[in-house]
Protein backbone atom coordinates (compact mmCIF):
# COMPACT_ATOMS: atom_id res chain seq x y z
CA MET A 1 28.56 -1.52 -4.27
CA SER A 2 28.42 0.74 -0.88
CA GLY A 3 29.00 -0.85 2.54
CA GLN A 4 28.34 -0.35 5.81
CA GLN A 5 30.36 2.99 7.10
CA PRO A 6 32.28 3.20 10.32
CA ASP A 7 29.59 5.67 11.73
CA GLY A 8 27.07 2.82 11.55
CA ARG A 9 25.34 4.46 8.62
CA HIS A 10 24.55 2.22 5.33
CA GLY A 11 25.96 3.30 2.00
CA SER A 12 23.33 4.03 -0.72
CA ASP A 13 23.94 3.87 -4.16
CA ARG A 14 21.15 6.01 -5.13
CA GLY A 15 22.11 9.48 -5.26
CA THR A 16 22.52 12.97 -3.36
CA LEU A 17 18.45 13.29 -3.47
CA ARG A 18 18.36 10.20 -1.34
CA ASP A 19 21.29 11.05 0.69
CA ARG A 20 19.38 14.16 1.45
CA PHE A 21 16.06 12.99 2.28
CA ILE A 22 17.67 9.87 4.71
CA GLU A 23 19.93 12.96 6.57
CA ARG A 24 16.81 14.70 7.58
CA ARG A 25 14.96 12.31 8.64
CA ARG A 26 17.70 11.02 10.49
CA PHE A 27 18.03 14.21 12.56
CA LEU A 28 14.24 14.39 13.14
CA MET A 29 13.61 10.90 14.68
CA ALA A 30 16.90 11.80 16.81
CA THR A 31 15.19 14.69 18.10
CA GLY A 32 11.65 13.02 18.76
CA SER A 33 9.75 15.00 15.88
CA LEU A 34 7.72 12.83 14.51
CA ALA A 35 5.22 14.92 13.33
CA GLY A 36 8.26 16.79 11.24
CA VAL A 37 9.27 13.57 10.03
CA GLY A 38 6.02 13.40 7.80
CA VAL A 39 6.13 17.44 7.06
CA LEU A 40 9.81 17.26 5.96
CA ALA A 41 9.23 14.18 3.95
CA GLY A 42 6.48 15.56 1.95
CA CYS A 43 6.99 19.18 1.32
CA GLY A 44 10.69 19.70 1.62
CA ALA A 45 12.55 22.23 -0.83
CA ASN A 46 14.15 19.39 -2.96
CA SER A 47 11.38 16.98 -2.65
CA ASP A 48 8.49 15.89 -4.82
CA ASP A 49 6.25 13.55 -2.72
CA THR A 50 4.23 10.86 -4.44
CA GLY A 51 2.12 7.91 -4.10
CA ASN A 52 -0.29 5.39 -5.83
CA GLY A 53 -3.08 4.70 -7.93
CA ASN A 54 -6.83 3.78 -7.52
CA GLY A 55 -6.46 1.39 -4.92
CA THR A 56 -2.77 3.11 -4.04
CA GLY A 57 -1.00 6.66 -4.33
CA ASP A 58 0.28 9.76 -2.96
CA GLY A 59 0.97 13.19 -3.36
CA ASN A 60 1.14 15.99 -6.06
CA GLY A 61 4.38 16.05 -8.07
CA ASN A 62 4.04 18.83 -10.18
CA GLY A 63 7.71 20.05 -10.28
CA ASN A 64 11.11 18.38 -11.21
CA GLY A 65 12.98 15.86 -8.37
CA ASP A 66 14.73 18.80 -7.89
CA GLY A 67 12.47 21.63 -7.27
CA THR A 68 12.74 23.33 -10.34
CA ASP A 69 9.86 24.45 -12.82
CA ASP A 70 9.94 23.59 -16.52
CA GLY A 71 7.26 26.07 -16.87
CA ASP A 72 4.65 24.63 -19.99
CA THR A 73 6.51 21.66 -20.01
CA GLU A 74 4.75 18.51 -17.87
CA PRO A 75 7.91 16.47 -16.15
CA SER A 76 7.80 12.93 -17.53
CA LEU A 77 7.32 10.26 -14.90
CA GLU A 78 10.48 9.16 -14.03
CA ASP A 79 11.24 12.75 -13.46
CA ARG A 80 8.52 13.08 -11.38
CA TYR A 81 9.04 9.60 -9.51
CA PRO A 82 13.11 9.07 -9.61
CA GLY A 83 13.28 6.21 -6.42
CA LEU A 84 10.10 4.59 -8.70
CA ARG A 85 11.30 1.34 -11.30
CA ILE A 86 8.49 2.59 -13.69
CA LEU A 87 6.46 -0.40 -15.46
CA SER A 88 3.97 1.35 -17.18
CA PRO A 89 4.09 5.00 -18.28
CA GLU A 90 0.02 5.43 -18.82
CA PRO A 91 -1.96 4.24 -17.20
CA GLU A 92 0.83 5.50 -14.49
CA ASN A 93 2.38 2.24 -12.76
CA GLY A 94 5.68 2.35 -10.87
CA GLU A 95 6.82 0.45 -7.70
CA ALA A 96 10.08 1.36 -5.31
CA ALA A 97 13.26 0.51 -7.30
CA ALA A 98 15.70 0.13 -4.32
CA ARG A 99 15.55 -1.96 -1.13
CA ALA A 100 16.84 1.03 0.82
CA THR A 101 13.41 2.19 0.69
CA TYR A 102 12.41 0.03 3.29
CA ALA A 103 15.32 0.62 5.94
CA ASP A 104 13.11 4.21 6.88
CA TYR A 105 10.07 4.28 8.61
CA ILE A 106 8.47 7.36 6.05
CA THR A 107 8.81 6.88 2.44
CA PRO A 108 9.02 10.18 0.53
CA ARG A 109 6.85 10.60 -2.39
CA GLU A 110 9.16 10.08 -5.10
CA GLU A 111 9.76 6.63 -3.53
CA HIS A 112 6.09 5.90 -3.13
CA TYR A 113 4.53 3.52 -5.67
CA ILE A 114 1.65 4.51 -7.94
CA ARG A 115 -0.74 2.77 -8.68
CA ASN A 116 -3.50 3.44 -12.38
CA HIS A 117 -6.45 1.55 -13.71
CA TYR A 118 -6.75 4.30 -15.76
CA PRO A 119 -4.73 7.51 -16.60
CA THR A 120 -4.60 10.54 -13.94
CA PRO A 121 -7.00 13.29 -14.84
CA ASP A 122 -6.72 16.47 -14.92
CA ILE A 123 -8.60 17.60 -12.12
CA ASP A 124 -9.67 21.29 -11.04
CA GLU A 125 -9.98 21.07 -7.20
CA SER A 126 -12.34 24.01 -7.12
CA GLU A 127 -14.63 22.31 -9.55
CA TRP A 128 -14.61 19.08 -7.71
CA THR A 129 -17.39 17.59 -5.57
CA VAL A 130 -17.79 14.49 -3.35
CA SER A 131 -21.72 13.38 -3.54
CA LEU A 132 -23.23 11.47 -0.77
CA THR A 133 -25.98 9.75 -1.62
CA GLY A 134 -28.09 6.69 -0.20
CA LEU A 135 -29.15 5.83 2.72
CA VAL A 136 -29.07 9.39 4.41
CA ASP A 137 -31.24 11.94 5.58
CA SER A 138 -30.31 14.20 3.02
CA GLU A 139 -28.13 13.95 -0.10
CA ILE A 140 -25.59 16.88 -0.49
CA ASP A 141 -22.55 17.14 -2.81
CA LEU A 142 -19.68 18.56 -0.77
CA SER A 143 -17.05 20.83 -2.37
CA MET A 144 -13.41 20.43 -1.31
CA GLU A 145 -13.52 23.67 0.74
CA GLU A 146 -16.25 21.98 2.94
CA ILE A 147 -14.61 18.87 3.22
CA LYS A 148 -11.32 20.52 4.23
CA HIS A 149 -12.32 23.48 6.62
CA SER A 150 -16.35 22.41 7.94
CA TYR A 151 -15.09 19.02 9.62
CA SER A 152 -12.24 17.85 11.87
CA THR A 153 -8.96 17.04 10.94
CA GLU A 154 -7.00 13.71 11.54
CA SER A 155 -3.98 12.20 10.32
CA VAL A 156 -2.77 8.96 10.27
CA THR A 157 0.47 7.01 9.49
CA HIS A 158 -0.82 3.82 6.65
CA THR A 159 1.49 1.20 5.27
CA MET A 160 -0.24 1.16 1.71
CA GLN A 161 0.33 -1.87 -0.13
CA CYS A 162 -1.31 -2.65 -3.55
CA ALA A 163 -2.86 -5.97 -3.60
CA GLY A 164 -0.50 -7.49 -6.56
CA ASN A 165 2.64 -6.63 -4.78
CA GLY A 166 4.63 -9.82 -5.41
CA ARG A 167 3.20 -10.69 -8.27
CA SER A 168 6.19 -11.53 -10.19
CA TYR A 169 7.39 -14.35 -8.06
CA PHE A 170 4.29 -16.46 -9.01
CA ASP A 171 5.59 -19.69 -11.00
CA PRO A 172 3.84 -19.90 -13.41
CA GLN A 173 3.68 -15.88 -14.01
CA VAL A 174 -0.04 -14.12 -13.74
CA GLY A 175 -0.89 -11.67 -15.87
CA GLY A 176 -0.51 -7.51 -15.16
CA ASN A 177 1.89 -5.12 -13.86
CA GLN A 178 4.64 -7.38 -12.53
CA TRP A 179 5.10 -6.04 -9.42
CA SER A 180 8.35 -7.38 -7.37
CA PHE A 181 9.09 -5.96 -3.32
CA GLY A 182 8.11 -2.23 -4.03
CA ALA A 183 4.53 -1.42 -4.45
CA VAL A 184 4.56 -0.63 -0.87
CA GLY A 185 5.06 2.36 1.06
CA ASN A 186 4.74 4.44 4.51
CA THR A 187 3.35 7.74 4.40
CA VAL A 188 1.29 10.40 6.64
CA TRP A 189 -1.97 10.72 5.41
CA THR A 190 -4.24 14.21 6.46
CA GLY A 191 -7.90 14.53 6.00
CA THR A 192 -11.36 14.42 7.03
CA PRO A 193 -13.06 11.46 9.34
CA VAL A 194 -15.60 9.97 7.59
CA SER A 195 -17.94 9.52 10.29
CA ASP A 196 -18.21 13.00 10.61
CA ILE A 197 -19.80 13.81 6.99
CA LEU A 198 -22.06 10.28 7.44
CA GLU A 199 -22.94 11.62 11.00
CA GLU A 200 -23.98 14.97 10.14
CA TYR A 201 -26.05 13.55 6.82
CA GLY A 202 -28.21 11.37 8.88
CA ALA A 203 -26.55 8.05 7.23
CA GLU A 204 -27.20 4.94 8.01
CA THR A 205 -24.29 3.65 9.97
CA SER A 206 -25.42 0.71 11.87
CA ASP A 207 -22.47 -2.43 11.45
CA GLY A 208 -23.78 -4.41 8.43
CA TYR A 209 -24.39 -1.64 6.45
CA PHE A 210 -22.03 -0.74 3.58
CA LEU A 211 -20.52 2.64 2.04
CA THR A 212 -19.55 2.03 -1.36
CA VAL A 213 -16.86 4.56 -2.51
CA MET A 214 -16.43 5.33 -6.37
CA GLY A 215 -13.62 7.20 -8.42
CA GLY A 216 -14.01 9.28 -10.74
CA GLU A 217 -11.03 8.53 -13.48
CA HIS A 218 -12.70 6.33 -15.89
CA PRO A 219 -12.93 7.00 -19.38
CA GLU A 220 -16.37 6.66 -21.06
CA GLY A 221 -17.59 3.46 -21.11
CA GLU A 222 -15.46 1.94 -18.94
CA ASP A 223 -15.76 0.42 -15.69
CA VAL A 224 -16.46 2.82 -12.60
CA PHE A 225 -13.37 2.39 -10.04
CA CYS A 226 -15.75 1.36 -7.15
CA ARG A 227 -15.23 -0.44 -3.55
CA SER A 228 -17.73 -1.54 -0.54
CA ILE A 229 -16.38 -0.64 2.65
CA PRO A 230 -18.36 -2.37 5.84
CA MET A 231 -19.84 0.33 7.68
CA GLU A 232 -17.74 -0.87 11.31
CA LYS A 233 -14.53 0.05 9.42
CA VAL A 234 -15.69 3.41 7.88
CA MET A 235 -17.16 5.15 11.20
CA ASP A 236 -13.63 3.73 12.88
CA ASP A 237 -10.67 5.14 10.79
CA THR A 238 -11.40 5.47 7.33
CA LEU A 239 -10.70 9.34 6.17
CA LEU A 240 -11.20 11.73 2.86
CA ALA A 241 -7.24 12.22 2.55
CA TYR A 242 -6.36 15.40 0.63
CA ASN A 243 -2.76 15.47 1.96
CA MET A 244 0.44 13.16 2.12
CA ASN A 245 3.29 14.13 3.73
CA GLY A 246 2.35 17.00 5.03
CA SER A 247 1.49 18.88 1.11
CA PRO A 248 -1.44 18.05 -1.14
CA VAL A 249 -1.79 14.58 -2.39
CA SER A 250 -0.48 14.39 -6.13
CA PRO A 251 -2.43 14.15 -9.03
CA ASP A 252 -1.19 10.33 -9.70
CA HIS A 253 -1.77 9.36 -6.37
CA GLY A 254 -5.56 11.00 -5.95
CA PHE A 255 -5.93 14.49 -5.92
CA PRO A 256 -7.74 16.27 -5.01
CA VAL A 257 -9.01 13.67 -2.54
CA ARG A 258 -9.18 9.84 -1.88
CA LEU A 259 -10.60 7.32 0.36
CA LEU A 260 -8.01 6.17 3.03
CA VAL A 261 -8.60 2.89 4.70
CA PRO A 262 -6.13 2.34 7.28
CA GLY A 263 -4.10 -1.02 7.67
CA TRP A 264 -6.42 -2.19 4.42
CA PHE A 265 -4.85 -3.21 0.84
CA GLY A 266 -4.40 -0.06 -1.41
CA CYS A 267 -7.37 -1.64 -3.60
CA ASN A 268 -10.05 -0.46 -0.91
CA ASN A 269 -7.94 3.24 -0.88
CA VAL A 270 -10.22 4.84 -4.17
CA LYS A 271 -8.75 7.84 -5.57
CA TRP A 272 -10.38 10.74 -7.08
CA LEU A 273 -13.06 10.27 -5.00
CA ASN A 274 -16.80 11.74 -6.27
CA ARG A 275 -19.42 9.49 -4.74
CA MET A 276 -20.07 7.80 -1.63
CA HIS A 277 -23.23 5.72 -1.54
CA VAL A 278 -24.43 4.10 1.96
CA MET A 279 -26.47 0.78 1.19
CA GLU A 280 -27.27 -2.52 2.96
CA SER A 281 -25.08 -4.54 1.10
CA MET A 282 -21.97 -4.62 -0.82
CA VAL A 283 -22.52 -3.45 -4.45
CA ILE A 284 -24.06 -6.39 -6.13
CA GLY A 285 -26.56 -6.86 -8.84
CA ASN A 286 -28.25 -6.35 -12.04
CA GLU A 287 -28.98 -2.44 -11.29
CA TRP A 288 -25.41 -1.74 -10.60
CA GLU A 289 -23.90 -4.15 -13.34
CA GLU A 290 -26.51 -2.46 -15.96
CA GLU A 291 -27.17 1.32 -15.14
CA GLY A 292 -25.10 3.43 -17.45
CA ALA A 293 -23.61 0.07 -19.23
CA PRO A 294 -22.91 0.06 -22.52
CA GLU A 295 -25.03 -2.68 -24.93
CA ASN A 296 -22.20 -5.21 -24.32
CA GLY A 297 -23.05 -5.48 -20.90
CA GLN A 298 -20.17 -4.12 -18.93
CA ARG A 299 -19.89 -4.72 -15.33
CA THR A 300 -20.19 -0.65 -14.75
CA TYR A 301 -20.35 -0.78 -10.92
CA THR A 302 -19.20 -4.52 -9.32
CA HIS A 303 -16.43 -5.28 -11.23
CA TRP A 304 -13.41 -3.95 -8.82
CA GLN A 305 -15.86 -5.27 -5.80
CA GLN A 306 -17.14 -8.98 -7.00
CA TYR A 307 -15.03 -9.98 -10.28
CA SER A 308 -11.62 -8.52 -9.51
CA TYR A 309 -9.25 -8.66 -6.14
CA ARG A 310 -10.10 -12.03 -5.05
CA ILE A 311 -8.36 -15.17 -4.06
CA LEU A 312 -9.15 -17.80 -7.46
CA PRO A 313 -7.79 -20.40 -8.02
CA GLU A 314 -6.67 -21.94 -11.59
CA GLU A 315 -10.00 -23.78 -11.25
CA ASP A 316 -12.26 -20.92 -10.67
CA SER A 317 -13.67 -19.57 -13.67
CA GLY A 318 -15.09 -16.38 -11.37
CA ALA A 319 -16.04 -15.72 -7.96
CA GLU A 320 -18.58 -15.90 -5.88
CA HIS A 321 -20.42 -12.77 -5.48
CA TYR A 322 -21.91 -12.13 -2.07
CA GLU A 323 -23.87 -9.35 -0.19
CA ASP A 324 -22.17 -9.79 2.77
CA ILE A 325 -19.36 -11.83 4.12
CA PRO A 326 -19.34 -13.27 7.56
CA VAL A 327 -15.22 -11.43 8.14
CA TYR A 328 -13.24 -8.29 6.47
CA ASP A 329 -10.31 -9.71 7.83
CA THR A 330 -8.48 -11.51 5.01
CA ARG A 331 -6.26 -13.82 6.31
CA GLU A 332 -9.66 -15.34 8.51
CA GLN A 333 -11.78 -15.07 4.76
CA MET A 334 -8.99 -17.31 3.80
CA GLU A 335 -9.41 -19.89 6.33
CA GLN A 336 -13.12 -19.81 6.34
CA THR A 337 -13.36 -21.34 2.60
CA ASP A 338 -16.51 -22.83 3.53
CA ALA A 339 -18.33 -19.80 4.29
CA ILE A 340 -16.61 -17.90 1.61
CA LYS A 341 -15.27 -19.12 -1.28
CA ASN A 342 -12.70 -16.55 -2.71
CA ALA A 343 -11.31 -13.95 -0.26
CA TYR A 344 -11.75 -10.70 -0.65
CA MET A 345 -8.56 -7.87 -0.40
CA TYR A 346 -9.33 -6.16 2.62
CA ASP A 347 -7.09 -6.07 5.83
CA GLN A 348 -3.57 -6.63 4.77
CA LEU A 349 -1.47 -9.77 5.64
CA GLU A 350 1.29 -9.72 8.04
CA LYS A 351 4.73 -9.01 5.67
CA SER A 352 8.13 -7.99 6.36
CA LEU A 353 10.63 -6.87 4.10
CA ILE A 354 14.47 -6.33 4.16
CA GLY A 355 16.02 -2.78 3.63
CA TYR A 356 19.48 -3.22 4.19
CA PRO A 357 21.49 -4.70 2.93
CA GLY A 358 20.05 -4.52 -0.73
CA ASP A 359 19.57 -7.70 -3.12
CA GLY A 360 22.81 -7.83 -4.73
CA GLN A 361 24.81 -5.13 -2.53
CA THR A 362 28.62 -5.90 -1.26
CA VAL A 363 28.74 -5.15 2.49
CA SER A 364 31.73 -5.51 5.06
CA GLN A 365 31.73 -6.27 8.88
CA SER A 366 31.93 -2.99 11.40
CA PRO A 367 34.91 -2.70 13.50
CA ALA A 368 32.99 -4.97 16.12
CA GLY A 369 32.25 -7.99 13.27
CA THR A 370 28.97 -7.30 12.74
CA VAL A 371 26.74 -6.14 10.01
CA GLU A 372 22.82 -4.83 10.64
CA VAL A 373 20.49 -6.24 9.13
CA ILE A 374 17.35 -3.93 8.70
CA GLY A 375 13.81 -3.77 7.58
CA VAL A 376 9.96 -2.74 7.99
CA ALA A 377 7.03 -5.02 9.18
CA TRP A 378 3.15 -4.70 8.86
CA ALA A 379 0.08 -6.71 9.61
CA GLY A 380 -2.76 -4.53 8.41
CA ASP A 381 -5.08 -4.05 11.27
CA ASP A 382 -3.15 -6.39 13.35
CA ALA A 383 0.32 -5.01 15.53
CA VAL A 384 3.46 -7.06 14.45
CA GLN A 385 4.44 -8.92 17.19
CA THR A 386 8.22 -10.45 16.59
CA VAL A 387 10.22 -10.37 13.43
CA GLU A 388 12.71 -12.96 12.85
CA VAL A 389 15.86 -12.68 10.53
CA SER A 390 17.38 -15.92 8.64
CA THR A 391 20.90 -15.30 7.16
CA ASP A 392 21.10 -18.87 5.66
CA GLY A 393 18.15 -18.86 3.40
CA GLY A 394 15.68 -19.88 5.85
CA ASP A 395 17.65 -22.64 7.87
CA SER A 396 18.18 -21.15 11.25
CA TRP A 397 16.47 -18.15 12.79
CA GLY A 398 17.02 -15.48 15.25
CA GLU A 399 14.50 -12.60 16.43
CA ALA A 400 15.47 -9.34 15.64
CA GLU A 401 14.65 -5.95 17.55
CA PHE A 402 12.22 -3.47 16.84
CA PHE A 403 13.30 0.62 16.70
CA GLY A 404 12.10 3.58 15.73
CA PRO A 405 8.53 5.24 16.04
CA VAL A 406 5.11 3.41 16.88
CA ASP A 407 1.92 5.16 15.53
CA GLY A 408 -0.69 2.41 15.18
CA ALA A 409 -0.92 -0.67 13.58
CA SER A 410 -1.57 0.95 10.42
CA GLY A 411 2.32 2.05 9.96
CA TRP A 412 5.10 -0.28 9.57
CA ARG A 413 7.61 -1.39 12.31
CA GLN A 414 11.06 -1.18 11.82
CA PHE A 415 13.42 -3.81 12.72
CA ARG A 416 17.02 -4.30 12.95
CA TYR A 417 19.05 -7.94 13.41
CA ILE A 418 22.28 -7.90 14.36
CA TRP A 419 24.28 -10.40 12.50
CA GLU A 420 27.36 -11.54 14.09
CA ASN A 421 30.39 -12.81 12.68
CA PRO A 422 29.23 -13.16 9.13
CA SER A 423 31.63 -15.25 7.08
CA SER A 424 33.17 -13.77 3.85
CA GLY A 425 31.19 -14.90 0.69
CA ASP A 426 27.55 -15.10 -0.64
CA HIS A 427 24.38 -15.37 1.77
CA THR A 428 20.74 -15.37 1.33
CA LEU A 429 18.95 -13.69 3.90
CA VAL A 430 15.19 -13.48 4.71
CA SER A 431 12.69 -12.44 7.33
CA ARG A 432 9.45 -13.29 8.69
CA ALA A 433 6.76 -11.51 11.04
CA THR A 434 4.26 -12.68 13.24
CA ASP A 435 1.47 -11.23 14.25
CA GLU A 436 -0.55 -10.28 17.38
CA ARG A 437 -2.83 -13.52 16.66
CA ARG A 438 0.52 -15.34 15.70
CA TYR A 439 -0.16 -15.65 12.34
CA THR A 440 3.17 -15.96 10.61
CA GLN A 441 4.58 -15.37 6.98
CA PRO A 442 4.61 -18.68 4.92
CA ALA A 443 7.63 -19.88 3.01
CA ALA A 444 6.58 -20.06 -0.33
CA ILE A 445 3.78 -20.11 -3.04
CA SER A 446 2.13 -23.04 -3.64
CA GLY A 447 2.06 -24.73 -7.15
CA LYS A 448 -0.60 -23.60 -9.51
CA ASP A 449 -2.25 -27.46 -9.37
CA GLU A 450 -2.27 -27.14 -5.78
CA GLN A 451 -5.57 -25.47 -6.32
CA LEU A 452 -5.30 -23.91 -2.44
CA ARG A 453 -7.55 -20.88 -1.52
CA SER A 454 -5.70 -20.76 1.64
CA ILE A 455 -2.50 -20.33 3.54
CA ALA A 456 -1.76 -24.15 4.34
CA ASP A 457 1.11 -26.52 4.66
CA ASP A 458 3.40 -22.86 5.01
CA LYS A 459 2.41 -21.73 1.63
CA TYR A 460 0.95 -18.97 -0.12
CA PRO A 461 -1.93 -20.12 -2.64
CA TRP A 462 -1.17 -19.59 -6.30
CA ASN A 463 -3.76 -17.79 -7.56
CA GLN A 464 -4.74 -15.92 -11.00
CA LYS A 465 -4.25 -12.33 -10.17
CA GLY A 466 -1.29 -13.08 -7.84
CA TYR A 467 -2.95 -11.17 -5.00
CA GLY A 468 -1.54 -10.62 -1.48
CA ASN A 469 1.59 -12.77 -1.91
CA ASN A 470 3.18 -12.31 1.53
CA ALA A 471 5.64 -15.27 1.21
CA TYR A 472 9.15 -15.00 2.81
CA MET A 473 11.22 -16.73 0.44
CA PRO A 474 10.52 -14.94 -2.81
CA HIS A 475 10.96 -11.84 -1.02
CA ALA A 476 14.79 -12.92 -0.34
CA VAL A 477 17.82 -10.57 -0.38
CA SER A 478 21.34 -11.84 -1.62
CA CYS A 479 24.34 -10.63 -0.27
CA THR A 480 27.89 -10.83 -0.54
CA ILE A 481 30.21 -10.51 2.77
CA GLU A 482 33.61 -8.99 1.27
CA GLU A 483 36.95 -9.66 3.38
């Protein structure tokens, strides 16, 4: 195992590819070139920037991790994303393999998670269009050339997290990909503000309306990946994103274009976007369940909005369906169970991860007798106010300090905690974040039989799909201080 080096840097056992990214970002951070960080993290000579699937994703890794090209041979998912632990090769799903990913501000593509419901489609950008339909003055099919060059361009740093991140810590275990800590990444996304397009074509953009966004990756006869985003959020900061970390979005992360909803769970960031429909409500009702559906009554458009990505206790056989809900903040929904029975996964919850020391790592003290604990914290649309660190499994806490770039609430904050005079031996480290509304991460996940729908008694609610886990004890890091 590697330890803390005399110059204060952190050792890594992940090889030279990762080391190159770290050294380049350190240099740019030191010179204050945040824009350069985004570009180099995404398109350096040795990079293979990549991200996540429908409801997550990023770049366009068509080459090997070392920048070489095998001609007609398609590199494997492992070769394209050397920083991921692959959960399934098809559909493509993988999470960051090492805790050290969460010691840095920008996540390079080869470490940014991938979440796909269906296999990555093979798309010719020159033939791809995005249609705008529904409550508009005129319906239109927009080419990628028009999307890229006929409107303004914006970039946003966004912490994208799969709604199922932390699912593997539920007991009893729930179905689906067993994400641990690594289905989250922080990257710079560039694209066209959706508001520009809606305004040009006379869309109904008043509060209370919705933009239902659809992906084009579903095989014939399968559910369309479809999410309804409230118009207030759409007009505020959503993008049609075509670049990630300075280079085109990869096929596995939504190439040629995906929706980017800053601060919200990855499931809202629809990949391979091919239709936007302006409507008075969320996608709901028989017309959307039956449109083009096979004879078995398959939920063609409503599944991913109304039946999935909801907090469902064990007792619920399904979720109540809504045309609208009183609030789009997931934490507030979970506290308003009288108004909405099962929260939707929209705005992200407060959360933090320790990046150094890594789990199972042996480290040594610096000459000053300290160990620097480093991590990241985020809270969706809200700013993180404080982060606390415990080196004794949550028995006592000390406040960490923030450092590094600040690029709006939608990007995570880096934190450091100076651990003074740690004793030799094994230790359990945890961190907990508190946001600007004073919501704090709970300690544990509730029991299945407690039937919680909200965070209560310092517990996150066990739910059927393992969504939204922000409890800090399951995310603890075990490390050893050597003499």
